[in-house]
Amino acid sequence: MNIKTRTTNFEMTPAIEAYVEKRISSLEKFLKGASDAVICEVELGKTTNHHKSGEIFKAEINMVRPGGDQLYAVAEKEDLYSAIDVVRDEVERKIVATKEKKETLFRRGASKFKSIIRNFKK
């Protein structure tokens, strides 16, 4: 997986970069074989510098998979690490949902084909 990280309104530290790399690369197990061709753009930022309730951090993931599939997720939290965790979990849910949808459509089509063949034999 090719991970590109970008920040706005704050400096990227090696600890944050390592955390993002660790959390996002754990999504590879859901991609099964196509993980080399996946491009994952991660944007981290501080939304405002003078918010009444403290700093608000934003994490965005834009993942492009082979075949044109695109997954996008965004999260805003008071803590940067929790925003990264939330957005990673959201992308994981979307990956699993699209995979299950494709399998369901395939099985439904196969079942319909089988019933047509059964009716044809009679």
PDB file of N, CA and C in Angstrom:
ATOM      1  N   MET A   1       0.843  -1.166   0.000  1.00  0.00           N
ATOM      2  CA  MET A   1       0.000   0.000   0.000  1.00  0.00           C
ATOM      3  C   MET A   1       0.896   1.239   0.000  1.00  0.00           C
ATOM      4  N   ASN A   2       0.542   2.172  -0.850  1.00  0.00           N
ATOM      5  CA  ASN A   2       1.298   3.411  -0.957  1.00  0.00           C
ATOM      6  C   ASN A   2       0.587   4.473  -0.113  1.00  0.00           C
ATOM      7  N   ILE A   3       1.198   4.869   1.006  1.00  0.00           N
ATOM      8  CA  ILE A   3       0.584   5.811   1.933  1.00  0.00           C
ATOM      9  C   ILE A   3       1.266   7.166   1.785  1.00  0.00           C
ATOM     10  N   LYS A   4       0.464   8.186   1.476  1.00  0.00           N
ATOM     11  CA  LYS A   4       0.961   9.554   1.367  1.00  0.00           C
ATOM     12  C   LYS A   4       0.326  10.366   2.487  1.00  0.00           C
ATOM     13  N   THR A   5       1.150  11.000   3.310  1.00  0.00           N
ATOM     14  CA  THR A   5       0.658  11.750   4.451  1.00  0.00           C
ATOM     15  C   THR A   5       0.916  13.232   4.248  1.00  0.00           C
ATOM     16  N   ARG A   6      -0.093  14.041   4.584  1.00  0.00           N
ATOM     17  CA  ARG A   6       0.010  15.484   4.437  1.00  0.00           C
ATOM     18  C   ARG A   6      -0.577  16.133   5.687  1.00  0.00           C
ATOM     19  N   THR A   7      -0.025  17.257   6.109  1.00  0.00           N
ATOM     20  CA  THR A   7      -0.530  17.949   7.286  1.00  0.00           C
ATOM     21  C   THR A   7      -0.865  19.399   6.941  1.00  0.00           C
ATOM     22  N   THR A   8      -1.788  19.959   7.708  1.00  0.00           N
ATOM     23  CA  THR A   8      -2.120  21.372   7.594  1.00  0.00           C
ATOM     24  C   THR A   8      -2.218  21.975   8.988  1.00  0.00           C
ATOM     25  N   ASN A   9      -1.626  23.139   9.153  1.00  0.00           N
ATOM     26  CA  ASN A   9      -1.669  23.946  10.380  1.00  0.00           C
ATOM     27  C   ASN A   9      -0.911  23.357  11.569  1.00  0.00           C
ATOM     28  N   PHE A  10      -0.079  22.363  11.367  1.00  0.00           N
ATOM     29  CA  PHE A  10       0.824  21.888  12.418  1.00  0.00           C
ATOM     30  C   PHE A  10       1.940  21.071  11.793  1.00  0.00           C
ATOM     31  N   GLU A  11       2.982  20.830  12.569  1.00  0.00           N
ATOM     32  CA  GLU A  11       4.154  20.105  12.085  1.00  0.00           C
ATOM     33  C   GLU A  11       4.008  18.606  12.346  1.00  0.00           C
ATOM     34  N   MET A  12       4.435  17.823  11.374  1.00  0.00           N
ATOM     35  CA  MET A  12       4.416  16.361  11.493  1.00  0.00           C
ATOM     36  C   MET A  12       5.638  15.912  12.282  1.00  0.00           C
ATOM     37  N   THR A  13       5.407  15.146  13.336  1.00  0.00           N
ATOM     38  CA  THR A  13       6.512  14.594  14.115  1.00  0.00           C
ATOM     39  C   THR A  13       6.731  13.144  13.693  1.00  0.00           C
ATOM     40  N   PRO A  14       7.909  12.605  13.947  1.00  0.00           N
ATOM     41  CA  PRO A  14       8.154  11.199  13.610  1.00  0.00           C
ATOM     42  C   PRO A  14       7.205  10.233  14.337  1.00  0.00           C
ATOM     43  N   ALA A  15       6.798  10.596  15.557  1.00  0.00           N
ATOM     44  CA  ALA A  15       5.880   9.737  16.306  1.00  0.00           C
ATOM     45  C   ALA A  15       4.514   9.678  15.630  1.00  0.00           C
ATOM     46  N   ILE A  16       4.020  10.821  15.168  1.00  0.00           N
ATOM     47  CA  ILE A  16       2.726  10.852  14.482  1.00  0.00           C
ATOM     48  C   ILE A  16       2.816  10.098  13.167  1.00  0.00           C
ATOM     49  N   GLU A  17       3.898  10.294  12.436  1.00  0.00           N
ATOM     50  CA  GLU A  17       4.076   9.611  11.153  1.00  0.00           C
ATOM     51  C   GLU A  17       4.125   8.092  11.334  1.00  0.00           C
ATOM     52  N   ALA A  18       4.829   7.644  12.374  1.00  0.00           N
ATOM     53  CA  ALA A  18       4.905   6.202  12.646  1.00  0.00           C
ATOM     54  C   ALA A  18       3.541   5.644  13.042  1.00  0.00           C
ATOM     55  N   TYR A  19       2.780   6.406  13.819  1.00  0.00           N
ATOM     56  CA  TYR A  19       1.451   5.959  14.246  1.00  0.00           C
ATOM     57  C   TYR A  19       0.506   5.830  13.053  1.00  0.00           C
ATOM     58  N   VAL A  20       0.532   6.811  12.171  1.00  0.00           N
ATOM     59  CA  VAL A  20      -0.307   6.762  10.973  1.00  0.00           C
ATOM     60  C   VAL A  20       0.079   5.571  10.110  1.00  0.00           C
ATOM     61  N   GLU A  21       1.368   5.373   9.912  1.00  0.00           N
ATOM     62  CA  GLU A  21       1.853   4.249   9.098  1.00  0.00           C
ATOM     63  C   GLU A  21       1.394   2.916   9.690  1.00  0.00           C
ATOM     64  N   LYS A  22       1.492   2.786  11.009  1.00  0.00           N
ATOM     65  CA  LYS A  22       1.105   1.543  11.676  1.00  0.00           C
ATOM     66  C   LYS A  22      -0.393   1.291  11.552  1.00  0.00           C
ATOM     67  N   ARG A  23      -1.220   2.310  11.809  1.00  0.00           N
ATOM     68  CA  ARG A  23      -2.665   2.154  11.792  1.00  0.00           C
ATOM     69  C   ARG A  23      -3.211   1.921  10.378  1.00  0.00           C
ATOM     70  N   ILE A  24      -2.682   2.642   9.393  1.00  0.00           N
ATOM     71  CA  ILE A  24      -3.207   2.525   8.037  1.00  0.00           C
ATOM     72  C   ILE A  24      -2.705   1.242   7.373  1.00  0.00           C
ATOM     73  N   SER A  25      -1.471   0.856   7.648  1.00  0.00           N
ATOM     74  CA  SER A  25      -0.957  -0.368   7.031  1.00  0.00           C
ATOM     75  C   SER A  25      -1.663  -1.614   7.562  1.00  0.00           C
ATOM     76  N   SER A  26      -2.330  -1.500   8.711  1.00  0.00           N
ATOM     77  CA  SER A  26      -3.083  -2.648   9.220  1.00  0.00           C
ATOM     78  C   SER A  26      -4.330  -2.930   8.387  1.00  0.00           C
ATOM     79  N   LEU A  27      -4.692  -2.026   7.485  1.00  0.00           N
ATOM     80  CA  LEU A  27      -5.836  -2.250   6.597  1.00  0.00           C
ATOM     81  C   LEU A  27      -5.504  -3.198   5.452  1.00  0.00           C
ATOM     82  N   GLU A  28      -4.222  -3.486   5.245  1.00  0.00           N
ATOM     83  CA  GLU A  28      -3.808  -4.349   4.132  1.00  0.00           C
ATOM     84  C   GLU A  28      -4.423  -5.743   4.208  1.00  0.00           C
ATOM     85  N   LYS A  29      -4.670  -6.239   5.413  1.00  0.00           N
ATOM     86  CA  LYS A  29      -5.215  -7.589   5.546  1.00  0.00           C
ATOM     87  C   LYS A  29      -6.634  -7.686   4.989  1.00  0.00           C
ATOM     88  N   PHE A  30      -7.340  -6.547   4.849  1.00  0.00           N
ATOM     89  CA  PHE A  30      -8.686  -6.563   4.290  1.00  0.00           C
ATOM     90  C   PHE A  30      -8.677  -6.434   2.772  1.00  0.00           C
ATOM     91  N   LEU A  31      -7.539  -6.074   2.188  1.00  0.00           N
ATOM     92  CA  LEU A  31      -7.484  -5.822   0.754  1.00  0.00           C
ATOM     93  C   LEU A  31      -7.131  -7.059  -0.064  1.00  0.00           C
ATOM     94  N   LYS A  32      -6.513  -8.046   0.517  1.00  0.00           N
ATOM     95  CA  LYS A  32      -6.230  -9.349  -0.099  1.00  0.00           C
ATOM     96  C   LYS A  32      -5.619  -9.277  -1.493  1.00  0.00           C
ATOM     97  N   GLY A  33      -4.326  -9.164  -1.542  1.00  0.00           N
ATOM     98  CA  GLY A  33      -3.600  -9.283  -2.806  1.00  0.00           C
ATOM     99  C   GLY A  33      -3.482  -8.012  -3.604  1.00  0.00           C
ATOM    100  N   ALA A  34      -4.446  -7.138  -3.541  1.00  0.00           N
ATOM    101  CA  ALA A  34      -4.409  -5.907  -4.330  1.00  0.00           C
ATOM    102  C   ALA A  34      -3.805  -4.759  -3.539  1.00  0.00           C
ATOM    103  N   SER A  35      -3.179  -5.051  -2.422  1.00  0.00           N
ATOM    104  CA  SER A  35      -2.691  -3.984  -1.550  1.00  0.00           C
ATOM    105  C   SER A  35      -1.517  -3.219  -2.152  1.00  0.00           C
ATOM    106  N   ASP A  36      -0.781  -3.818  -3.111  1.00  0.00           N
ATOM    107  CA  ASP A  36       0.344  -3.111  -3.716  1.00  0.00           C
ATOM    108  C   ASP A  36      -0.116  -1.972  -4.610  1.00  0.00           C
ATOM    109  N   ALA A  37      -1.281  -2.095  -5.214  1.00  0.00           N
ATOM    110  CA  ALA A  37      -1.776  -1.092  -6.153  1.00  0.00           C
ATOM    111  C   ALA A  37      -2.663  -0.048  -5.482  1.00  0.00           C
ATOM    112  N   VAL A  38      -2.862  -0.135  -4.186  1.00  0.00           N
ATOM    113  CA  VAL A  38      -3.741   0.792  -3.479  1.00  0.00           C
ATOM    114  C   VAL A  38      -2.981   2.068  -3.125  1.00  0.00           C
ATOM    115  N   ILE A  39      -3.604   3.206  -3.399  1.00  0.00           N
ATOM    116  CA  ILE A  39      -3.033   4.497  -3.028  1.00  0.00           C
ATOM    117  C   ILE A  39      -3.883   5.065  -1.905  1.00  0.00           C
ATOM    118  N   CYS A  40      -3.250   5.377  -0.793  1.00  0.00           N
ATOM    119  CA  CYS A  40      -3.956   5.888   0.373  1.00  0.00           C
ATOM    120  C   CYS A  40      -3.389   7.256   0.731  1.00  0.00           C
ATOM    121  N   GLU A  41      -4.224   8.276   0.607  1.00  0.00           N
ATOM    122  CA  GLU A  41      -3.816   9.637   0.946  1.00  0.00           C
ATOM    123  C   GLU A  41      -4.413   9.995   2.298  1.00  0.00           C
ATOM    124  N   VAL A  42      -3.552  10.358   3.244  1.00  0.00           N
ATOM    125  CA  VAL A  42      -3.980  10.703   4.587  1.00  0.00           C
ATOM    126  C   VAL A  42      -3.672  12.178   4.810  1.00  0.00           C
ATOM    127  N   GLU A  43      -4.687  12.926   5.241  1.00  0.00           N
ATOM    128  CA  GLU A  43      -4.479  14.330   5.553  1.00  0.00           C
ATOM    129  C   GLU A  43      -4.833  14.564   7.006  1.00  0.00           C
ATOM    130  N   LEU A  44      -3.889  15.118   7.736  1.00  0.00           N
ATOM    131  CA  LEU A  44      -4.078  15.441   9.144  1.00  0.00           C
ATOM    132  C   LEU A  44      -3.995  16.945   9.293  1.00  0.00           C
ATOM    133  N   GLY A  45      -4.836  17.509  10.135  1.00  0.00           N
ATOM    134  CA  GLY A  45      -4.786  18.948  10.295  1.00  0.00           C
ATOM    135  C   GLY A  45      -5.466  19.419  11.559  1.00  0.00           C
ATOM    136  N   LYS A  46      -5.137  20.639  11.900  1.00  0.00           N
ATOM    137  CA  LYS A  46      -5.779  21.322  13.009  1.00  0.00           C
ATOM    138  C   LYS A  46      -6.787  22.267  12.369  1.00  0.00           C
ATOM    139  N   THR A  47      -8.081  22.120  12.705  1.00  0.00           N
ATOM    140  CA  THR A  47      -9.101  22.897  12.009  1.00  0.00           C
ATOM    141  C   THR A  47      -9.038  24.376  12.375  1.00  0.00           C
ATOM    142  N   THR A  48      -8.839  24.689  13.660  1.00  0.00           N
ATOM    143  CA  THR A  48      -8.743  26.092  14.068  1.00  0.00           C
ATOM    144  C   THR A  48      -7.628  26.236  15.085  1.00  0.00           C
ATOM    145  N   ASN A  49      -7.092  27.432  15.164  1.00  0.00           N
ATOM    146  CA  ASN A  49      -6.057  27.719  16.156  1.00  0.00           C
ATOM    147  C   ASN A  49      -6.626  28.381  17.405  1.00  0.00           C
ATOM    148  N   HIS A  50      -7.874  28.805  17.371  1.00  0.00           N
ATOM    149  CA  HIS A  50      -8.454  29.549  18.492  1.00  0.00           C
ATOM    150  C   HIS A  50      -9.880  29.089  18.796  1.00  0.00           C
ATOM    151  N   HIS A  51     -10.041  27.808  18.955  1.00  0.00           N
ATOM    152  CA  HIS A  51     -11.349  27.255  19.250  1.00  0.00           C
ATOM    153  C   HIS A  51     -11.641  27.378  20.734  1.00  0.00           C
ATOM    154  N   LYS A  52     -12.883  27.672  21.117  1.00  0.00           N
ATOM    155  CA  LYS A  52     -13.233  27.891  22.519  1.00  0.00           C
ATOM    156  C   LYS A  52     -12.993  26.664  23.387  1.00  0.00           C
ATOM    157  N   SER A  53     -13.263  25.484  22.853  1.00  0.00           N
ATOM    158  CA  SER A  53     -13.132  24.277  23.659  1.00  0.00           C
ATOM    159  C   SER A  53     -11.782  23.580  23.466  1.00  0.00           C
ATOM    160  N   GLY A  54     -10.817  24.258  22.908  1.00  0.00           N
ATOM    161  CA  GLY A  54      -9.498  23.674  22.699  1.00  0.00           C
ATOM    162  C   GLY A  54      -9.250  23.386  21.237  1.00  0.00           C
ATOM    163  N   GLU A  55      -8.173  22.711  20.968  1.00  0.00           N
ATOM    164  CA  GLU A  55      -7.823  22.400  19.591  1.00  0.00           C
ATOM    165  C   GLU A  55      -8.677  21.241  19.076  1.00  0.00           C
ATOM    166  N   ILE A  56      -9.092  21.348  17.831  1.00  0.00           N
ATOM    167  CA  ILE A  56      -9.864  20.295  17.175  1.00  0.00           C
ATOM    168  C   ILE A  56      -9.024  19.791  16.006  1.00  0.00           C
ATOM    169  N   PHE A  57      -8.777  18.481  15.993  1.00  0.00           N
ATOM    170  CA  PHE A  57      -7.971  17.873  14.938  1.00  0.00           C
ATOM    171  C   PHE A  57      -8.864  17.134  13.957  1.00  0.00           C
ATOM    172  N   LYS A  58      -8.420  17.110  12.720  1.00  0.00           N
ATOM    173  CA  LYS A  58      -9.181  16.482  11.646  1.00  0.00           C
ATOM    174  C   LYS A  58      -8.286  15.463  10.952  1.00  0.00           C
ATOM    175  N   ALA A  59      -8.833  14.286  10.676  1.00  0.00           N
ATOM    176  CA  ALA A  59      -8.116  13.242   9.938  1.00  0.00           C
ATOM    177  C   ALA A  59      -8.992  12.809   8.768  1.00  0.00           C
ATOM    178  N   GLU A  60      -8.381  12.767   7.584  1.00  0.00           N
ATOM    179  CA  GLU A  60      -9.091  12.346   6.379  1.00  0.00           C
ATOM    180  C   GLU A  60      -8.310  11.227   5.710  1.00  0.00           C
ATOM    181  N   ILE A  61      -9.031  10.263   5.163  1.00  0.00           N
ATOM    182  CA  ILE A  61      -8.403   9.206   4.373  1.00  0.00           C
ATOM    183  C   ILE A  61      -9.144   9.129   3.046  1.00  0.00           C
ATOM    184  N   ASN A  62      -8.392   9.147   1.975  1.00  0.00           N
ATOM    185  CA  ASN A  62      -8.921   8.951   0.633  1.00  0.00           C
ATOM    186  C   ASN A  62      -8.151   7.773   0.041  1.00  0.00           C
ATOM    187  N   MET A  63      -8.837   6.643  -0.115  1.00  0.00           N
ATOM    188  CA  MET A  63      -8.189   5.425  -0.590  1.00  0.00           C
ATOM    189  C   MET A  63      -8.720   5.074  -1.973  1.00  0.00           C
ATOM    190  N   VAL A  64      -7.801   4.897  -2.923  1.00  0.00           N
ATOM    191  CA  VAL A  64      -8.176   4.525  -4.280  1.00  0.00           C
ATOM    192  C   VAL A  64      -7.661   3.115  -4.534  1.00  0.00           C
ATOM    193  N   ARG A  65      -8.598   2.208  -4.869  1.00  0.00           N
ATOM    194  CA  ARG A  65      -8.248   0.818  -5.112  1.00  0.00           C
ATOM    195  C   ARG A  65      -8.265   0.539  -6.612  1.00  0.00           C
ATOM    196  N   PRO A  66      -7.629  -0.542  -7.044  1.00  0.00           N
ATOM    197  CA  PRO A  66      -7.662  -0.899  -8.469  1.00  0.00           C
ATOM    198  C   PRO A  66      -9.100  -1.109  -8.932  1.00  0.00           C
ATOM    199  N   GLY A  67      -9.357  -0.700 -10.144  1.00  0.00           N
ATOM    200  CA  GLY A  67     -10.706  -0.823 -10.668  1.00  0.00           C
ATOM    201  C   GLY A  67     -11.536   0.424 -10.441  1.00  0.00           C
ATOM    202  N   GLY A  68     -10.946   1.445  -9.856  1.00  0.00           N
ATOM    203  CA  GLY A  68     -11.653   2.704  -9.680  1.00  0.00           C
ATOM    204  C   GLY A  68     -12.430   2.837  -8.392  1.00  0.00           C
ATOM    205  N   ASP A  69     -12.383   1.846  -7.503  1.00  0.00           N
ATOM    206  CA  ASP A  69     -13.079   1.965  -6.224  1.00  0.00           C
ATOM    207  C   ASP A  69     -12.393   3.017  -5.375  1.00  0.00           C
ATOM    208  N   GLN A  70     -13.184   3.910  -4.802  1.00  0.00           N
ATOM    209  CA  GLN A  70     -12.634   4.975  -3.966  1.00  0.00           C
ATOM    210  C   GLN A  70     -13.374   4.991  -2.639  1.00  0.00           C
ATOM    211  N   LEU A  71     -12.620   5.043  -1.556  1.00  0.00           N
ATOM    212  CA  LEU A  71     -13.191   5.108  -0.215  1.00  0.00           C
ATOM    213  C   LEU A  71     -12.717   6.392   0.446  1.00  0.00           C
ATOM    214  N   TYR A  72     -13.635   7.105   1.081  1.00  0.00           N
ATOM    215  CA  TYR A  72     -13.303   8.372   1.721  1.00  0.00           C
ATOM    216  C   TYR A  72     -13.919   8.384   3.106  1.00  0.00           C
ATOM    217  N   ALA A  73     -13.139   8.843   4.084  1.00  0.00           N
ATOM    218  CA  ALA A  73     -13.636   8.960   5.452  1.00  0.00           C
ATOM    219  C   ALA A  73     -12.982  10.168   6.109  1.00  0.00           C
ATOM    220  N   VAL A  74     -13.724  10.797   6.995  1.00  0.00           N
ATOM    221  CA  VAL A  74     -13.212  11.959   7.707  1.00  0.00           C
ATOM    222  C   VAL A  74     -13.704  11.913   9.153  1.00  0.00           C
ATOM    223  N   ALA A  75     -12.862  12.417  10.072  1.00  0.00           N
ATOM    224  CA  ALA A  75     -13.227  12.466  11.484  1.00  0.00           C
ATOM    225  C   ALA A  75     -12.600  13.690  12.127  1.00  0.00           C
ATOM    226  N   GLU A  76     -13.345  14.310  13.046  1.00  0.00           N
ATOM    227  CA  GLU A  76     -12.838  15.444  13.819  1.00  0.00           C
ATOM    228  C   GLU A  76     -12.960  15.111  15.297  1.00  0.00           C
ATOM    229  N   LYS A  77     -11.860  15.234  16.007  1.00  0.00           N
ATOM    230  CA  LYS A  77     -11.819  14.932  17.441  1.00  0.00           C
ATOM    231  C   LYS A  77     -10.916  15.938  18.150  1.00  0.00           C
ATOM    232  N   GLU A  78     -10.965  15.915  19.482  1.00  0.00           N
ATOM    233  CA  GLU A  78     -10.116  16.789  20.285  1.00  0.00           C
ATOM    234  C   GLU A  78      -8.679  16.292  20.336  1.00  0.00           C
ATOM    235  N   ASP A  79      -8.490  14.996  20.072  1.00  0.00           N
ATOM    236  CA  ASP A  79      -7.166  14.386  20.109  1.00  0.00           C
ATOM    237  C   ASP A  79      -6.837  13.848  18.718  1.00  0.00           C
ATOM    238  N   LEU A  80      -5.631  14.105  18.244  1.00  0.00           N
ATOM    239  CA  LEU A  80      -5.233  13.680  16.904  1.00  0.00           C
ATOM    240  C   LEU A  80      -5.219  12.165  16.785  1.00  0.00           C
ATOM    241  N   TYR A  81      -4.721  11.477  17.797  1.00  0.00           N
ATOM    242  CA  TYR A  81      -4.625  10.025  17.744  1.00  0.00           C
ATOM    243  C   TYR A  81      -6.013   9.366  17.710  1.00  0.00           C
ATOM    244  N   SER A  82      -6.960   9.909  18.453  1.00  0.00           N
ATOM    245  CA  SER A  82      -8.313   9.344  18.416  1.00  0.00           C
ATOM    246  C   SER A  82      -8.988   9.622  17.074  1.00  0.00           C
ATOM    247  N   ALA A  83      -8.696  10.767  16.452  1.00  0.00           N
ATOM    248  CA  ALA A  83      -9.240  11.060  15.116  1.00  0.00           C
ATOM    249  C   ALA A  83      -8.702  10.060  14.100  1.00  0.00           C
ATOM    250  N   ILE A  84      -7.422   9.721  14.203  1.00  0.00           N
ATOM    251  CA  ILE A  84      -6.813   8.736  13.304  1.00  0.00           C
ATOM    252  C   ILE A  84      -7.477   7.369  13.504  1.00  0.00           C
ATOM    253  N   ASP A  85      -7.702   6.986  14.758  1.00  0.00           N
ATOM    254  CA  ASP A  85      -8.336   5.702  15.050  1.00  0.00           C
ATOM    255  C   ASP A  85      -9.763   5.629  14.501  1.00  0.00           C
ATOM    256  N   VAL A  86     -10.523   6.695  14.676  1.00  0.00           N
ATOM    257  CA  VAL A  86     -11.914   6.708  14.214  1.00  0.00           C
ATOM    258  C   VAL A  86     -11.984   6.614  12.699  1.00  0.00           C
ATOM    259  N   VAL A  87     -11.148   7.374  12.006  1.00  0.00           N
ATOM    260  CA  VAL A  87     -11.184   7.379  10.552  1.00  0.00           C
ATOM    261  C   VAL A  87     -10.693   6.037   9.994  1.00  0.00           C
ATOM    262  N   ARG A  88      -9.749   5.407  10.649  1.00  0.00           N
ATOM    263  CA  ARG A  88      -9.267   4.097  10.218  1.00  0.00           C
ATOM    264  C   ARG A  88     -10.363   3.046  10.359  1.00  0.00           C
ATOM    265  N   ASP A  89     -11.103   3.087  11.485  1.00  0.00           N
ATOM    266  CA  ASP A  89     -12.196   2.143  11.698  1.00  0.00           C
ATOM    267  C   ASP A  89     -13.312   2.338  10.676  1.00  0.00           C
ATOM    268  N   GLU A  90     -13.570   3.586  10.304  1.00  0.00           N
ATOM    269  CA  GLU A  90     -14.605   3.861   9.315  1.00  0.00           C
ATOM    270  C   GLU A  90     -14.218   3.309   7.941  1.00  0.00           C
ATOM    271  N   VAL A  91     -12.959   3.465   7.563  1.00  0.00           N
ATOM    272  CA  VAL A  91     -12.494   2.920   6.284  1.00  0.00           C
ATOM    273  C   VAL A  91     -12.550   1.398   6.308  1.00  0.00           C
ATOM    274  N   GLU A  92     -12.206   0.796   7.434  1.00  0.00           N
ATOM    275  CA  GLU A  92     -12.286  -0.664   7.554  1.00  0.00           C
ATOM    276  C   GLU A  92     -13.718  -1.146   7.335  1.00  0.00           C
ATOM    277  N   ARG A  93     -14.691  -0.465   7.940  1.00  0.00           N
ATOM    278  CA  ARG A  93     -16.094  -0.839   7.761  1.00  0.00           C
ATOM    279  C   ARG A  93     -16.510  -0.727   6.295  1.00  0.00           C
ATOM    280  N   LYS A  94     -16.040   0.309   5.620  1.00  0.00           N
ATOM    281  CA  LYS A  94     -16.401   0.495   4.216  1.00  0.00           C
ATOM    282  C   LYS A  94     -15.773  -0.585   3.330  1.00  0.00           C
ATOM    283  N   ILE A  95     -14.531  -0.977   3.624  1.00  0.00           N
ATOM    284  CA  ILE A  95     -13.877  -2.038   2.850  1.00  0.00           C
ATOM    285  C   ILE A  95     -14.652  -3.345   2.994  1.00  0.00           C
ATOM    286  N   VAL A  96     -15.007  -3.690   4.220  1.00  0.00           N
ATOM    287  CA  VAL A  96     -15.733  -4.938   4.477  1.00  0.00           C
ATOM    288  C   VAL A  96     -17.119  -4.893   3.839  1.00  0.00           C
ATOM    289  N   ALA A  97     -17.782  -3.748   3.898  1.00  0.00           N
ATOM    290  CA  ALA A  97     -19.125  -3.634   3.329  1.00  0.00           C
ATOM    291  C   ALA A  97     -19.103  -3.807   1.815  1.00  0.00           C
ATOM    292  N   THR A  98     -18.145  -3.207   1.132  1.00  0.00           N
ATOM    293  CA  THR A  98     -18.092  -3.347  -0.323  1.00  0.00           C
ATOM    294  C   THR A  98     -17.735  -4.777  -0.714  1.00  0.00           C
ATOM    295  N   LYS A  99     -16.871  -5.410   0.066  1.00  0.00           N
ATOM    296  CA  LYS A  99     -16.512  -6.803  -0.217  1.00  0.00           C
ATOM    297  C   LYS A  99     -17.728  -7.710  -0.059  1.00  0.00           C
ATOM    298  N   GLU A 100     -18.463  -7.538   1.036  1.00  0.00           N
ATOM    299  CA  GLU A 100     -19.643  -8.363   1.272  1.00  0.00           C
ATOM    300  C   GLU A 100     -20.722  -8.101   0.234  1.00  0.00           C
ATOM    301  N   LYS A 101     -20.845  -6.867  -0.233  1.00  0.00           N
ATOM    302  CA  LYS A 101     -21.844  -6.540  -1.245  1.00  0.00           C
ATOM    303  C   LYS A 101     -21.541  -7.260  -2.559  1.00  0.00           C
ATOM    304  N   LYS A 102     -20.270  -7.284  -2.961  1.00  0.00           N
ATOM    305  CA  LYS A 102     -19.889  -7.970  -4.195  1.00  0.00           C
ATOM    306  C   LYS A 102     -20.133  -9.471  -4.088  1.00  0.00           C
ATOM    307  N   GLU A 103     -19.800 -10.061  -2.941  1.00  0.00           N
ATOM    308  CA  GLU A 103     -20.037 -11.495  -2.749  1.00  0.00           C
ATOM    309  C   GLU A 103     -21.530 -11.817  -2.775  1.00  0.00           C
ATOM    310  N   THR A 104     -22.342 -10.974  -2.153  1.00  0.00           N
ATOM    311  CA  THR A 104     -23.784 -11.191  -2.125  1.00  0.00           C
ATOM    312  C   THR A 104     -24.369 -11.118  -3.527  1.00  0.00           C
ATOM    313  N   LEU A 105     -23.944 -10.131  -4.310  1.00  0.00           N
ATOM    314  CA  LEU A 105     -24.448 -10.003  -5.672  1.00  0.00           C
ATOM    315  C   LEU A 105     -24.053 -11.207  -6.522  1.00  0.00           C
ATOM    316  N   PHE A 106     -22.824 -11.703  -6.337  1.00  0.00           N
ATOM    317  CA  PHE A 106     -22.381 -12.871  -7.080  1.00  0.00           C
ATOM    318  C   PHE A 106     -23.216 -14.095  -6.723  1.00  0.00           C
ATOM    319  N   ARG A 107     -23.423 -14.306  -5.422  1.00  0.00           N
ATOM    320  CA  ARG A 107     -24.209 -15.464  -4.992  1.00  0.00           C
ATOM    321  C   ARG A 107     -25.656 -15.369  -5.447  1.00  0.00           C
ATOM    322  N   ARG A 108     -26.221 -14.178  -5.413  1.00  0.00           N
ATOM    323  CA  ARG A 108     -27.596 -14.001  -5.867  1.00  0.00           C
ATOM    324  C   ARG A 108     -27.713 -14.324  -7.357  1.00  0.00           C
ATOM    325  N   GLY A 109     -26.740 -13.864  -8.136  1.00  0.00           N
ATOM    326  CA  GLY A 109     -26.743 -14.158  -9.569  1.00  0.00           C
ATOM    327  C   GLY A 109     -26.567 -15.636  -9.843  1.00  0.00           C
ATOM    328  N   ALA A 110     -25.676 -16.284  -9.096  1.00  0.00           N
ATOM    329  CA  ALA A 110     -25.446 -17.719  -9.274  1.00  0.00           C
ATOM    330  C   ALA A 110     -26.697 -18.512  -8.905  1.00  0.00           C
ATOM    331  N   SER A 111     -27.382 -18.099  -7.859  1.00  0.00           N
ATOM    332  CA  SER A 111     -28.601 -18.779  -7.444  1.00  0.00           C
ATOM    333  C   SER A 111     -29.693 -18.629  -8.506  1.00  0.00           C
ATOM    334  N   LYS A 112     -29.824 -17.446  -9.056  1.00  0.00           N
ATOM    335  CA  LYS A 112     -30.810 -17.206 -10.112  1.00  0.00           C
ATOM    336  C   LYS A 112     -30.500 -18.052 -11.344  1.00  0.00           C
ATOM    337  N   PHE A 113     -29.233 -18.123 -11.710  1.00  0.00           N
ATOM    338  CA  PHE A 113     -28.812 -18.934 -12.852  1.00  0.00           C
ATOM    339  C   PHE A 113     -29.125 -20.409 -12.616  1.00  0.00           C
ATOM    340  N   LYS A 114     -28.873 -20.877 -11.416  1.00  0.00           N
ATOM    341  CA  LYS A 114     -29.138 -22.271 -11.075  1.00  0.00           C
ATOM    342  C   LYS A 114     -30.634 -22.578 -11.151  1.00  0.00           C
ATOM    343  N   SER A 115     -31.461 -21.667 -10.695  1.00  0.00           N
ATOM    344  CA  SER A 115     -32.910 -21.901 -10.764  1.00  0.00           C
ATOM    345  C   SER A 115     -33.404 -21.887 -12.212  1.00  0.00           C
ATOM    346  N   ILE A 116     -32.805 -21.072 -13.066  1.00  0.00           N
ATOM    347  CA  ILE A 116     -33.167 -21.064 -14.486  1.00  0.00           C
ATOM    348  C   ILE A 116     -32.806 -22.399 -15.129  1.00  0.00           C
ATOM    349  N   ILE A 117     -31.619 -22.910 -14.816  1.00  0.00           N
ATOM    350  CA  ILE A 117     -31.170 -24.196 -15.355  1.00  0.00           C
ATOM    351  C   ILE A 117     -32.096 -25.317 -14.877  1.00  0.00           C
ATOM    352  N   ARG A 118     -32.512 -25.311 -13.613  1.00  0.00           N
ATOM    353  CA  ARG A 118     -33.413 -26.322 -13.086  1.00  0.00           C
ATOM    354  C   ARG A 118     -34.748 -26.306 -13.834  1.00  0.00           C
ATOM    355  N   ASN A 119     -35.277 -25.119 -14.060  1.00  0.00           N
ATOM    356  CA  ASN A 119     -36.569 -24.998 -14.759  1.00  0.00           C
ATOM    357  C   ASN A 119     -36.423 -25.393 -16.233  1.00  0.00           C
ATOM    358  N   PHE A 120     -35.268 -25.212 -16.799  1.00  0.00           N
ATOM    359  CA  PHE A 120     -35.026 -25.551 -18.208  1.00  0.00           C
ATOM    360  C   PHE A 120     -35.008 -27.055 -18.415  1.00  0.00           C
ATOM    361  N   LYS A 121     -34.493 -27.805 -17.412  1.00  0.00           N
ATOM    362  CA  LYS A 121     -34.392 -29.276 -17.507  1.00  0.00           C
ATOM    363  C   LYS A 121     -35.755 -29.933 -17.472  1.00  0.00           C
ATOM    364  N   LYS A 122     -36.753 -29.304 -16.866  1.00  0.00           N
ATOM    365  CA  LYS A 122     -38.072 -29.934 -16.709  1.00  0.00           C
ATOM    366  C   LYS A 122     -38.836 -29.970 -17.963  1.00  0.00           C
TER     367      LYS A 122
END
